[in-house]
Amino acid sequence: MRKLVAPLALFLALMPLAGIACAQDQMMDSSVDNSDARKEKILANLQNAFPQLAQMQATLGDIETTEFDGLQQGTLNVQGREQVFLVSADDSKLYLVAGPPIDVSKSAEEINAAKAKEAEERQAKLAGATEGKPFRGPADAPVTIVEFSDFQCPFCSRGAATVHEILEKYDGQVRFVFKHFPLDRIHPWARPAAISVECATAQSKDAFWTLHDAYFANQQEINPDNLIEKSKEYLADSGLDMAAWETCAADAESDAHKAAEATVQAELDLGTELGVSGTPGFFVNGQFLNGAQPITAFEPIIKAATGGEMDGEMAMDEGGE
């Protein structure tokens, strides 16, 4: 039983499909045996393969033709979710479909061109979303790295270390911008930290980086109960109006807090729109790198944009215009 549960769970957890793309517009073929007797037989065999279906109120939808020789298409409905399958006309073989059709006809040149176009579109969208935000590196750097990150995420701490390494190695060639992507379900102080950062940024872009660095350096010491007090310690020499900052960071009813929270949510929404689903997520000149990648994953993109590895002599600028 344990061996049968996992495959079924895998198939049913995948994206439900409305149908095979090449068959979506076809009308029902009267030659297809779509009788209740056939559906009952197919369902009985599926229940034999996956006994738990008997307790899950599974039913079959209509069976239709496809453009695949000898194969017909149907849907297995399990507790409101649909799983597409292909079945041979003689019912000797049934294939559960785990994903939509993939076009594998493109040449390497076409694939690269499509990726480049997608990167350009992402970069244009990110350019508008990062305008006025704090950044590290020169404003006119040939490479811009935008990271969507979570202050409580241990992988993001590793990502921050990698970014520091990149900025040192490619000094003057890379601009770095941080965007919030708090994972509320598993990181309870990530969103409050992001709001606290935005409250500090409202007074000083330097204070943004003060908290950014401190949160990642001290993750193990921070929790939801001590976040505000810890943040005060980190900001002690920042020159901020601490009373105003605390109102913004801690008073959920204040206008400043609501504005900071709206900024955090907008950045999370943007990341989701761009395909970020976990942290950290990086866009290097619009090209997406998922997870805490090593510096070697960034270097081909950086070198392509800079004409090769460059030492650079420009001092790193922290701030934003």
Protein backbone atom coordinates (compact mmCIF):
# COMPACT_ATOMS: atom_id res chain seq x y z
CA MET A 1 0.00 0.00 0.00
CA ARG A 2 2.76 2.45 0.89
CA LYS A 3 4.33 1.92 -2.51
CA LEU A 4 1.06 2.74 -4.28
CA VAL A 5 0.20 5.88 -2.33
CA ALA A 6 3.26 7.87 -3.35
CA PRO A 7 2.86 7.61 -7.14
CA LEU A 8 -0.80 8.56 -6.98
CA ALA A 9 -0.07 11.48 -4.68
CA LEU A 10 2.63 12.63 -7.07
CA PHE A 11 0.33 12.59 -10.07
CA LEU A 12 -2.55 14.27 -8.28
CA ALA A 13 -0.28 16.96 -6.82
CA LEU A 14 0.83 18.08 -10.27
CA MET A 15 -0.90 20.87 -12.14
CA PRO A 16 -4.38 19.78 -13.22
CA LEU A 17 -4.67 19.75 -16.98
CA ALA A 18 -7.65 20.88 -19.02
CA GLY A 19 -6.50 18.60 -21.82
CA ILE A 20 -3.70 17.82 -24.22
CA ALA A 21 -3.02 21.00 -26.17
CA CYS A 22 -3.24 19.48 -29.62
CA ALA A 23 -6.60 17.91 -28.77
CA GLN A 24 -8.33 20.76 -26.98
CA ASP A 25 -10.39 21.96 -29.91
CA GLN A 26 -11.51 18.59 -31.19
CA MET A 27 -15.14 17.60 -30.99
CA MET A 28 -16.21 14.32 -29.43
CA ASP A 29 -15.70 11.48 -31.90
CA SER A 30 -18.77 9.26 -32.06
CA SER A 31 -16.51 6.26 -32.73
CA VAL A 32 -15.03 6.48 -29.23
CA ASP A 33 -16.55 4.06 -26.76
CA ASN A 34 -17.66 6.50 -24.08
CA SER A 35 -20.12 4.14 -22.42
CA ASP A 36 -20.66 3.87 -18.69
CA ALA A 37 -19.58 0.24 -18.89
CA ARG A 38 -16.17 1.19 -20.31
CA LYS A 39 -15.69 3.95 -17.73
CA GLU A 40 -16.59 1.56 -14.91
CA LYS A 41 -14.07 -0.99 -16.21
CA ILE A 42 -11.28 1.62 -16.48
CA LEU A 43 -12.07 2.99 -13.02
CA ALA A 44 -12.08 -0.52 -11.53
CA ASN A 45 -8.62 -1.14 -12.96
CA LEU A 46 -7.34 2.19 -11.65
CA GLN A 47 -8.71 1.31 -8.21
CA ASN A 48 -6.90 -2.01 -8.46
CA ALA A 49 -3.65 -0.16 -9.17
CA PHE A 50 -4.35 2.51 -6.54
CA PRO A 51 -6.67 1.00 -3.87
CA GLN A 52 -7.07 4.32 -2.06
CA LEU A 53 -9.15 5.60 -4.98
CA ALA A 54 -12.04 3.50 -3.70
CA GLN A 55 -12.25 5.74 -0.63
CA MET A 56 -11.77 9.00 -2.56
CA GLN A 57 -15.01 9.18 -4.59
CA ALA A 58 -13.13 8.98 -7.88
CA THR A 59 -15.03 9.27 -11.15
CA LEU A 60 -14.16 9.40 -14.84
CA GLY A 61 -15.08 12.21 -17.22
CA ASP A 62 -15.80 11.80 -20.92
CA ILE A 63 -13.26 10.08 -23.14
CA GLU A 64 -12.29 11.87 -26.37
CA THR A 65 -10.11 11.44 -29.41
CA THR A 66 -6.63 12.89 -29.72
CA GLU A 67 -4.18 13.43 -32.57
CA PHE A 68 -2.03 10.61 -31.17
CA ASP A 69 -2.57 7.43 -33.15
CA GLY A 70 -4.33 4.81 -31.09
CA LEU A 71 -4.66 6.99 -27.98
CA GLN A 72 -7.72 8.61 -26.48
CA GLN A 73 -7.95 11.13 -23.69
CA GLY A 74 -9.94 11.20 -20.47
CA THR A 75 -9.95 12.70 -17.00
CA LEU A 76 -9.90 11.06 -13.61
CA ASN A 77 -11.75 13.25 -11.10
CA VAL A 78 -10.66 12.84 -7.48
CA GLN A 79 -12.26 15.02 -4.80
CA GLY A 80 -12.64 18.01 -7.10
CA ARG A 81 -9.25 17.66 -8.80
CA GLU A 82 -8.67 16.48 -12.35
CA GLN A 83 -5.92 14.15 -13.57
CA VAL A 84 -5.61 13.76 -17.33
CA PHE A 85 -4.85 10.34 -18.77
CA LEU A 86 -4.25 8.82 -22.19
CA VAL A 87 -5.72 5.39 -22.87
CA SER A 88 -5.35 3.04 -25.81
CA ALA A 89 -8.50 2.29 -27.81
CA ASP A 90 -8.39 -1.34 -26.66
CA ASP A 91 -7.82 -0.30 -23.00
CA SER A 92 -4.59 -2.31 -22.82
CA LYS A 93 -2.54 0.71 -21.71
CA LEU A 94 -3.38 3.82 -19.68
CA TYR A 95 -0.88 6.63 -19.07
CA LEU A 96 -1.35 9.23 -16.36
CA VAL A 97 -0.18 12.57 -17.81
CA ALA A 98 2.14 14.43 -15.44
CA GLY A 99 2.42 17.71 -17.34
CA PRO A 100 1.35 19.67 -20.41
CA PRO A 101 2.94 19.01 -23.81
CA ILE A 102 6.42 20.49 -24.29
CA ASP A 103 7.50 21.83 -27.66
CA VAL A 104 10.89 20.22 -28.33
CA SER A 105 11.18 21.43 -31.94
CA LYS A 106 13.10 24.66 -31.23
CA SER A 107 16.72 24.99 -32.27
CA ALA A 108 19.42 26.06 -29.81
CA GLU A 109 19.43 29.48 -31.49
CA GLU A 110 15.67 29.86 -31.05
CA ILE A 111 15.87 28.80 -27.40
CA ASN A 112 18.66 31.29 -26.70
CA ALA A 113 16.79 34.07 -28.50
CA ALA A 114 13.64 33.37 -26.47
CA LYS A 115 15.63 33.39 -23.23
CA ALA A 116 17.29 36.67 -24.17
CA LYS A 117 13.94 38.27 -24.97
CA GLU A 118 12.46 37.04 -21.68
CA ALA A 119 15.47 38.40 -19.77
CA GLU A 120 15.09 41.79 -21.47
CA GLU A 121 11.42 41.94 -20.52
CA ARG A 122 12.19 41.02 -16.92
CA GLN A 123 15.01 43.54 -16.76
CA ALA A 124 12.74 46.30 -18.01
CA LYS A 125 10.13 45.45 -15.38
CA LEU A 126 12.75 45.26 -12.65
CA ALA A 127 14.30 48.56 -13.71
CA GLY A 128 11.08 50.37 -12.89
CA ALA A 129 10.60 48.44 -9.65
CA THR A 130 14.11 49.19 -8.37
CA GLU A 131 14.12 52.90 -9.16
CA GLY A 132 14.85 54.87 -6.01
CA LYS A 133 15.70 51.77 -3.97
CA PRO A 134 18.96 51.45 -2.02
CA PHE A 135 21.69 49.73 -4.00
CA ARG A 136 25.30 48.67 -3.75
CA GLY A 137 27.71 49.25 -6.59
CA PRO A 138 27.73 52.01 -9.21
CA ALA A 139 24.43 53.20 -10.65
CA ASP A 140 25.71 52.69 -14.23
CA ALA A 141 27.18 49.21 -13.71
CA PRO A 142 26.82 46.92 -16.75
CA VAL A 143 25.38 44.18 -14.53
CA THR A 144 22.43 44.53 -12.17
CA ILE A 145 21.63 41.77 -9.70
CA VAL A 146 18.18 41.95 -8.12
CA GLU A 147 17.63 39.52 -5.27
CA PHE A 148 14.26 38.53 -3.78
CA SER A 149 15.06 37.42 -0.26
CA ASP A 150 13.87 36.68 3.27
CA PHE A 151 15.84 37.90 6.31
CA GLN A 152 15.07 34.74 8.31
CA CYS A 153 15.97 32.30 5.54
CA PRO A 154 19.32 30.51 6.19
CA PHE A 155 19.84 29.99 2.46
CA CYS A 156 19.39 33.73 1.98
CA SER A 157 22.19 34.32 4.47
CA ARG A 158 24.41 32.21 2.24
CA GLY A 159 23.14 34.18 -0.74
CA ALA A 160 24.09 37.43 0.97
CA ALA A 161 27.62 36.13 1.46
CA THR A 162 27.81 35.24 -2.24
CA VAL A 163 26.62 38.69 -3.25
CA HIS A 164 29.32 40.24 -1.04
CA GLU A 165 31.89 38.04 -2.78
CA ILE A 166 30.60 39.11 -6.21
CA LEU A 167 30.70 42.80 -5.33
CA GLU A 168 34.29 42.46 -4.16
CA LYS A 169 35.50 40.41 -7.12
CA TYR A 170 33.69 42.50 -9.74
CA ASP A 171 34.11 45.83 -8.00
CA GLY A 172 32.62 48.60 -10.11
CA GLN A 173 30.94 46.21 -12.54
CA VAL A 174 27.88 45.10 -10.56
CA ARG A 175 24.96 46.95 -9.01
CA PHE A 176 22.98 45.03 -6.38
CA VAL A 177 19.38 45.66 -5.31
CA PHE A 178 17.54 43.77 -2.57
CA LYS A 179 13.79 43.07 -2.75
CA HIS A 180 11.62 41.60 0.00
CA PHE A 181 10.11 38.13 -0.33
CA PRO A 182 9.16 37.03 3.22
CA LEU A 183 7.95 33.45 3.54
CA ASP A 184 5.37 34.02 6.24
CA ARG A 185 4.33 30.39 6.64
CA ILE A 186 7.74 29.22 7.82
CA HIS A 187 9.55 32.42 8.87
CA PRO A 188 7.50 34.35 11.45
CA TRP A 189 9.87 37.31 11.87
CA ALA A 190 10.78 37.76 8.20
CA ARG A 191 7.93 40.15 7.35
CA PRO A 192 8.29 42.25 10.54
CA ALA A 193 12.01 42.52 9.74
CA ALA A 194 11.25 43.62 6.19
CA ILE A 195 8.84 46.25 7.49
CA SER A 196 11.45 47.43 10.01
CA VAL A 197 13.96 47.80 7.18
CA GLU A 198 11.53 49.87 5.13
CA CYS A 199 10.86 52.06 8.16
CA ALA A 200 14.60 52.69 8.51
CA THR A 201 14.99 53.32 4.77
CA ALA A 202 12.37 56.05 4.93
CA GLN A 203 14.91 58.03 6.97
CA SER A 204 18.23 56.78 5.56
CA LYS A 205 19.31 54.49 2.73
CA ASP A 206 22.44 53.68 4.72
CA ALA A 207 20.19 52.36 7.50
CA PHE A 208 18.72 49.89 5.01
CA TRP A 209 22.11 48.21 4.67
CA THR A 210 22.76 48.43 8.40
CA LEU A 211 19.74 46.26 9.12
CA HIS A 212 20.21 44.10 6.03
CA ASP A 213 23.70 43.09 7.15
CA ALA A 214 22.80 42.78 10.83
CA TYR A 215 19.79 40.55 10.27
CA PHE A 216 21.75 38.09 8.15
CA ALA A 217 24.74 38.15 10.49
CA ASN A 218 22.61 37.54 13.59
CA GLN A 219 19.80 35.27 12.38
CA GLN A 220 20.25 32.81 15.23
CA GLU A 221 19.77 35.50 17.87
CA ILE A 222 16.57 37.00 16.48
CA ASN A 223 13.02 35.88 17.12
CA PRO A 224 9.57 37.50 16.77
CA ASP A 225 9.63 38.68 20.40
CA ASN A 226 13.00 40.44 20.35
CA LEU A 227 13.11 41.75 16.77
CA ILE A 228 12.35 45.37 17.68
CA GLU A 229 14.86 45.48 20.55
CA LYS A 230 17.54 43.80 18.46
CA SER A 231 16.88 46.22 15.63
CA LYS A 232 17.32 49.14 18.01
CA GLU A 233 20.73 47.77 18.94
CA TYR A 234 21.74 47.49 15.29
CA LEU A 235 20.52 51.03 14.58
CA ALA A 236 22.11 52.60 17.67
CA ASP A 237 24.67 54.59 15.68
CA SER A 238 22.50 55.23 12.63
CA GLY A 239 21.37 58.73 13.57
CA LEU A 240 17.72 57.86 12.96
CA ASP A 241 14.80 59.36 14.83
CA MET A 242 14.29 56.15 16.78
CA ALA A 243 10.89 57.12 18.16
CA ALA A 244 9.59 57.63 14.62
CA TRP A 245 11.23 54.41 13.48
CA GLU A 246 9.69 52.41 16.33
CA THR A 247 6.23 53.78 15.64
CA CYS A 248 6.60 52.75 12.02
CA ALA A 249 8.07 49.33 12.81
CA ALA A 250 5.92 48.32 15.79
CA ASP A 251 2.59 50.18 15.59
CA ALA A 252 0.52 48.24 13.06
CA GLU A 253 -2.16 50.94 13.11
CA SER A 254 0.19 53.76 12.15
CA ASP A 255 0.14 55.14 8.61
CA ALA A 256 3.92 54.67 8.38
CA HIS A 257 3.66 50.99 9.25
CA LYS A 258 0.90 50.44 6.72
CA ALA A 259 2.96 52.16 4.02
CA ALA A 260 6.02 50.04 4.83
CA GLU A 261 3.95 46.87 4.82
CA ALA A 262 2.44 47.82 1.45
CA THR A 263 5.95 48.20 0.02
CA VAL A 264 6.95 44.76 1.30
CA GLN A 265 3.80 43.16 -0.11
CA ALA A 266 4.26 44.88 -3.49
CA GLU A 267 7.78 43.47 -3.76
CA LEU A 268 6.61 39.99 -2.82
CA ASP A 269 3.85 40.23 -5.44
CA LEU A 270 6.38 41.34 -8.07
CA GLY A 271 8.64 38.41 -7.27
CA THR A 272 5.72 36.00 -7.59
CA GLU A 273 4.77 37.56 -10.91
CA LEU A 274 8.33 37.05 -12.17
CA GLY A 275 8.34 33.38 -11.17
CA VAL A 276 9.96 33.47 -7.74
CA SER A 277 8.49 30.79 -5.48
CA GLY A 278 11.23 30.39 -2.86
CA THR A 279 14.21 32.26 -1.54
CA PRO A 280 16.67 33.45 -2.48
CA GLY A 281 15.79 34.23 -6.10
CA PHE A 282 18.20 36.26 -8.24
CA PHE A 283 17.81 38.12 -11.51
CA VAL A 284 21.16 38.87 -13.15
CA ASN A 285 20.48 41.33 -15.97
CA GLY A 286 17.05 39.72 -16.09
CA GLN A 287 18.26 36.10 -16.16
CA PHE A 288 16.77 34.07 -13.33
CA LEU A 289 18.94 32.09 -10.92
CA ASN A 290 16.99 30.14 -8.34
CA GLY A 291 18.33 29.37 -4.87
CA ALA A 292 21.59 29.97 -3.02
CA GLN A 293 23.83 29.58 -6.05
CA PRO A 294 27.63 29.73 -5.84
CA ILE A 295 29.51 32.59 -7.46
CA THR A 296 30.33 30.36 -10.42
CA ALA A 297 26.64 30.41 -11.43
CA PHE A 298 26.72 34.21 -11.68
CA GLU A 299 30.04 34.60 -13.42
CA PRO A 300 29.13 33.58 -16.99
CA ILE A 301 26.39 36.23 -17.07
CA ILE A 302 28.63 38.86 -15.49
CA LYS A 303 31.51 38.13 -17.86
CA ALA A 304 29.21 38.18 -20.90
CA ALA A 305 28.02 41.66 -19.92
CA THR A 306 31.46 43.02 -19.03
CA GLY A 307 33.53 41.46 -21.78
CA GLY A 308 35.34 39.17 -19.38
CA GLU A 309 36.43 39.20 -15.77
CA MET A 310 37.44 42.73 -14.81
CA ASP A 311 39.17 43.84 -11.64
CA GLY A 312 37.60 47.27 -11.54
CA GLU A 313 38.92 50.16 -9.52
CA MET A 314 35.72 51.95 -8.69
CA ALA A 315 34.84 52.20 -5.00
CA MET A 316 31.63 50.52 -4.00
CA ASP A 317 28.84 53.03 -3.52
CA GLU A 318 26.10 52.24 -1.02
CA GLY A 319 22.88 54.10 -1.50
CA GLY A 320 20.56 55.08 -4.30
CA GLU A 321 19.68 58.10 -6.25
